[in-house]
Every structure is written in C-alpha cells, then in structure tokens.
C-alpha cells in the first residue's frame, strides 16, 4: 500500500530531525522549491496536479511556506479532492478562508469557483 502523500510547504526543518525522519518514514513527503511556492507558480502546479494526489498539507514553521499568500477561494478551489488535512504551525488561522475551506470539505460535488 502506498504511503499517504504530504505536501511540506516551507524551508527544510531546523530542529527535531529524528521526529521528522519518523514522519518521513510514514509519509511520502513532497517539498516544493521556493520558486514553486510563489503564488502564480503554486497555482499552476495545483492546476497541473504536479504533485499528484496529496492527502495532507503541512507547514511546519510559520515563518516560511506562506509564499503563495492567503488561502482564499482561488487557491482552495485548486486543491486536489484527496486533501483531508491542512496543518500549519503558529497561532491563529487568519491566513485561510475557513468558511470556504469548510465548503470544499463537505461531501458531494465541489462548489463552483467564484
């Protein structure tokens, strides 16, 4: 059975390398380059399904991984339907439209963009 795929947004970790090694042994971790995390390229990568089926999105440090800007409907609509978890280190969630994210997480057909 294939490992669940996790999109790691941000720079390589600086601490807790043993813990991250265990994490990476359980999941297939995909870490886009800094250039791929810029909003236009990130949107294109999501549209192209460059990273394939992704089960989770992980941003382990609040200071990197936000190069694509706020997670609004424009980005959320492009997420693969396979995404079930979005985890981001830090306090608060003002970087994401949680109401929009909730709509896309509901069973049934995905909402139309716009």
C-alpha atoms as a PDB file:
ATOM      1  CA  UNK A   1       0.000   0.000   0.000  1.00  0.00           C
ATOM      2  CA  UNK A   2       1.449   3.421  -0.926  1.00  0.00           C
ATOM      3  CA  UNK A   3       2.286   5.909   1.799  1.00  0.00           C
ATOM      4  CA  UNK A   4      -0.021   8.915   2.220  1.00  0.00           C
ATOM      5  CA  UNK A   5       1.442  11.951   0.435  1.00  0.00           C
ATOM      6  CA  UNK A   6       2.118  15.141   2.367  1.00  0.00           C
ATOM      7  CA  UNK A   7       2.955  18.460   0.748  1.00  0.00           C
ATOM      8  CA  UNK A   8       5.539  20.142   3.011  1.00  0.00           C
ATOM      9  CA  UNK A   9       5.292  23.891   2.483  1.00  0.00           C
ATOM     10  CA  UNK A  10       8.310  25.822   3.620  1.00  0.00           C
ATOM     11  CA  UNK A  11      12.023  25.536   4.096  1.00  0.00           C
ATOM     12  CA  UNK A  12      13.711  22.396   5.405  1.00  0.00           C
ATOM     13  CA  UNK A  13      13.236  21.904   9.130  1.00  0.00           C
ATOM     14  CA  UNK A  14      15.920  23.158  11.514  1.00  0.00           C
ATOM     15  CA  UNK A  15      15.057  21.171  14.645  1.00  0.00           C
ATOM     16  CA  UNK A  16      13.667  17.781  15.690  1.00  0.00           C
ATOM     17  CA  UNK A  17      15.354  15.880  12.888  1.00  0.00           C
ATOM     18  CA  UNK A  18      14.675  12.484  14.494  1.00  0.00           C
ATOM     19  CA  UNK A  19      10.973  13.225  14.727  1.00  0.00           C
ATOM     20  CA  UNK A  20      10.898  14.454  11.133  1.00  0.00           C
ATOM     21  CA  UNK A  21      12.722  11.298   9.998  1.00  0.00           C
ATOM     22  CA  UNK A  22       9.985   9.192  11.603  1.00  0.00           C
ATOM     23  CA  UNK A  23       7.377  11.391   9.936  1.00  0.00           C
ATOM     24  CA  UNK A  24       9.088  10.973   6.552  1.00  0.00           C
ATOM     25  CA  UNK A  25       9.270   7.197   7.019  1.00  0.00           C
ATOM     26  CA  UNK A  26       5.494   7.069   7.480  1.00  0.00           C
ATOM     27  CA  UNK A  27       4.503   9.533   4.748  1.00  0.00           C
ATOM     28  CA  UNK A  28       5.772  10.401   1.294  1.00  0.00           C
ATOM     29  CA  UNK A  29       6.882  13.997   1.830  1.00  0.00           C
ATOM     30  CA  UNK A  30       6.946  16.348  -1.152  1.00  0.00           C
ATOM     31  CA  UNK A  31       8.623  19.711  -0.573  1.00  0.00           C
ATOM     32  CA  UNK A  32       8.137  22.221  -3.388  1.00  0.00           C
ATOM     33  CA  UNK A  33      11.007  24.608  -4.057  1.00  0.00           C
ATOM     34  CA  UNK A  34      10.788  28.248  -3.006  1.00  0.00           C
ATOM     35  CA  UNK A  35      10.061  29.206  -6.625  1.00  0.00           C
ATOM     36  CA  UNK A  36       7.184  26.698  -6.779  1.00  0.00           C
ATOM     37  CA  UNK A  37       5.668  28.244  -3.652  1.00  0.00           C
ATOM     38  CA  UNK A  38       5.262  31.710  -5.207  1.00  0.00           C
ATOM     39  CA  UNK A  39       1.541  32.217  -5.819  1.00  0.00           C
ATOM     40  CA  UNK A  40       1.495  32.128  -9.658  1.00  0.00           C
ATOM     41  CA  UNK A  41       3.686  29.016  -9.837  1.00  0.00           C
ATOM     42  CA  UNK A  42       1.896  27.361  -6.914  1.00  0.00           C
ATOM     43  CA  UNK A  43      -1.460  27.878  -8.635  1.00  0.00           C
ATOM     44  CA  UNK A  44      -0.066  26.455 -11.866  1.00  0.00           C
ATOM     45  CA  UNK A  45       1.338  23.436 -10.033  1.00  0.00           C
ATOM     46  CA  UNK A  46      -2.037  22.767  -8.407  1.00  0.00           C
ATOM     47  CA  UNK A  47      -3.826  23.138 -11.765  1.00  0.00           C
ATOM     48  CA  UNK A  48      -1.380  20.721 -13.404  1.00  0.00           C
ATOM     49  CA  UNK A  49      -1.604  18.305 -10.461  1.00  0.00           C
ATOM     50  CA  UNK A  50       2.210  18.473 -10.456  1.00  0.00           C
ATOM     51  CA  UNK A  51       2.408  16.728  -7.096  1.00  0.00           C
ATOM     52  CA  UNK A  52      -0.329  14.238  -7.889  1.00  0.00           C
ATOM     53  CA  UNK A  53      -2.697  13.020  -5.239  1.00  0.00           C
ATOM     54  CA  UNK A  54      -1.900  14.788  -1.980  1.00  0.00           C
ATOM     55  CA  UNK A  55      -3.520  13.669   1.269  1.00  0.00           C
ATOM     56  CA  UNK A  56      -2.293  16.462   3.532  1.00  0.00           C
ATOM     57  CA  UNK A  57      -0.609  19.852   3.501  1.00  0.00           C
ATOM     58  CA  UNK A  58       1.906  20.601   6.225  1.00  0.00           C
ATOM     59  CA  UNK A  59       3.548  23.919   7.073  1.00  0.00           C
ATOM     60  CA  UNK A  60       5.887  23.168   9.978  1.00  0.00           C
ATOM     61  CA  UNK A  61       7.149  26.700  10.598  1.00  0.00           C
ATOM     62  CA  UNK A  62       5.059  29.865  10.463  1.00  0.00           C
ATOM     63  CA  UNK A  63       7.903  31.939   9.030  1.00  0.00           C
ATOM     64  CA  UNK A  64       8.186  30.012   5.732  1.00  0.00           C
ATOM     65  CA  UNK A  65       5.736  28.245   3.497  1.00  0.00           C
ATOM     66  CA  UNK A  66       3.405  31.173   3.040  1.00  0.00           C
ATOM     67  CA  UNK A  67       4.872  32.457  -0.196  1.00  0.00           C
ATOM     68  CA  UNK A  68       1.608  31.791  -2.038  1.00  0.00           C
ATOM     69  CA  UNK A  69      -0.219  34.302   0.166  1.00  0.00           C
ATOM     70  CA  UNK A  70      -3.589  33.853   1.792  1.00  0.00           C
ATOM     71  CA  UNK A  71      -5.511  30.673   1.161  1.00  0.00           C
ATOM     72  CA  UNK A  72      -8.622  32.098  -0.435  1.00  0.00           C
ATOM     73  CA  UNK A  73     -11.132  30.517  -2.772  1.00  0.00           C
ATOM     74  CA  UNK A  74      -8.750  30.947  -5.703  1.00  0.00           C
ATOM     75  CA  UNK A  75      -6.259  28.513  -4.095  1.00  0.00           C
ATOM     76  CA  UNK A  76      -8.690  26.307  -2.195  1.00  0.00           C
ATOM     77  CA  UNK A  77     -10.633  25.523  -5.381  1.00  0.00           C
ATOM     78  CA  UNK A  78      -7.440  24.165  -6.947  1.00  0.00           C
ATOM     79  CA  UNK A  79      -6.644  21.701  -4.163  1.00  0.00           C
ATOM     80  CA  UNK A  80      -6.916  18.038  -5.088  1.00  0.00           C
ATOM     81  CA  UNK A  81     -10.063  16.431  -3.684  1.00  0.00           C
ATOM     82  CA  UNK A  82      -7.769  13.990  -1.904  1.00  0.00           C
ATOM     83  CA  UNK A  83      -6.596  16.662   0.603  1.00  0.00           C
ATOM     84  CA  UNK A  84      -8.073  15.885   4.006  1.00  0.00           C
ATOM     85  CA  UNK A  85      -5.695  17.678   6.388  1.00  0.00           C
ATOM     86  CA  UNK A  86      -4.102  21.107   6.345  1.00  0.00           C
ATOM     87  CA  UNK A  87      -1.775  21.726   9.286  1.00  0.00           C
ATOM     88  CA  UNK A  88       0.157  24.917   9.898  1.00  0.00           C
ATOM     89  CA  UNK A  89       2.392  25.811  12.834  1.00  0.00           C
ATOM     90  CA  UNK A  90       1.715  29.071  14.573  1.00  0.00           C
ATOM     91  CA  UNK A  91      -1.165  30.804  16.260  1.00  0.00           C
ATOM     92  CA  UNK A  92      -4.405  31.561  14.506  1.00  0.00           C
ATOM     93  CA  UNK A  93      -5.681  30.916  11.031  1.00  0.00           C
ATOM     94  CA  UNK A  94      -6.142  34.381   9.583  1.00  0.00           C
ATOM     95  CA  UNK A  95      -4.184  33.232   6.506  1.00  0.00           C
ATOM     96  CA  UNK A  96      -7.015  30.929   5.371  1.00  0.00           C
ATOM     97  CA  UNK A  97     -10.674  31.451   4.493  1.00  0.00           C
ATOM     98  CA  UNK A  98     -12.028  28.777   6.841  1.00  0.00           C
ATOM     99  CA  UNK A  99     -15.611  29.127   5.624  1.00  0.00           C
ATOM    100  CA  UNK A 100     -14.507  28.482   2.057  1.00  0.00           C
ATOM    101  CA  UNK A 101     -12.320  25.587   3.176  1.00  0.00           C
ATOM    102  CA  UNK A 102     -15.286  24.078   5.024  1.00  0.00           C
ATOM    103  CA  UNK A 103     -17.459  24.281   1.889  1.00  0.00           C
ATOM    104  CA  UNK A 104     -14.861  22.357  -0.098  1.00  0.00           C
ATOM    105  CA  UNK A 105     -14.628  19.765   2.660  1.00  0.00           C
ATOM    106  CA  UNK A 106     -18.315  18.902   2.556  1.00  0.00           C
ATOM    107  CA  UNK A 107     -19.408  15.666   0.868  1.00  0.00           C
ATOM    108  CA  UNK A 108     -20.833  15.860  -2.612  1.00  0.00           C
ATOM    109  CA  UNK A 109     -19.877  17.895  -5.681  1.00  0.00           C
ATOM    110  CA  UNK A 110     -17.293  20.600  -5.125  1.00  0.00           C
ATOM    111  CA  UNK A 111     -18.565  24.199  -5.208  1.00  0.00           C
ATOM    112  CA  UNK A 112     -18.029  26.169  -8.384  1.00  0.00           C
ATOM    113  CA  UNK A 113     -15.204  28.669  -8.304  1.00  0.00           C
ATOM    114  CA  UNK A 114     -16.403  32.237  -7.786  1.00  0.00           C
END
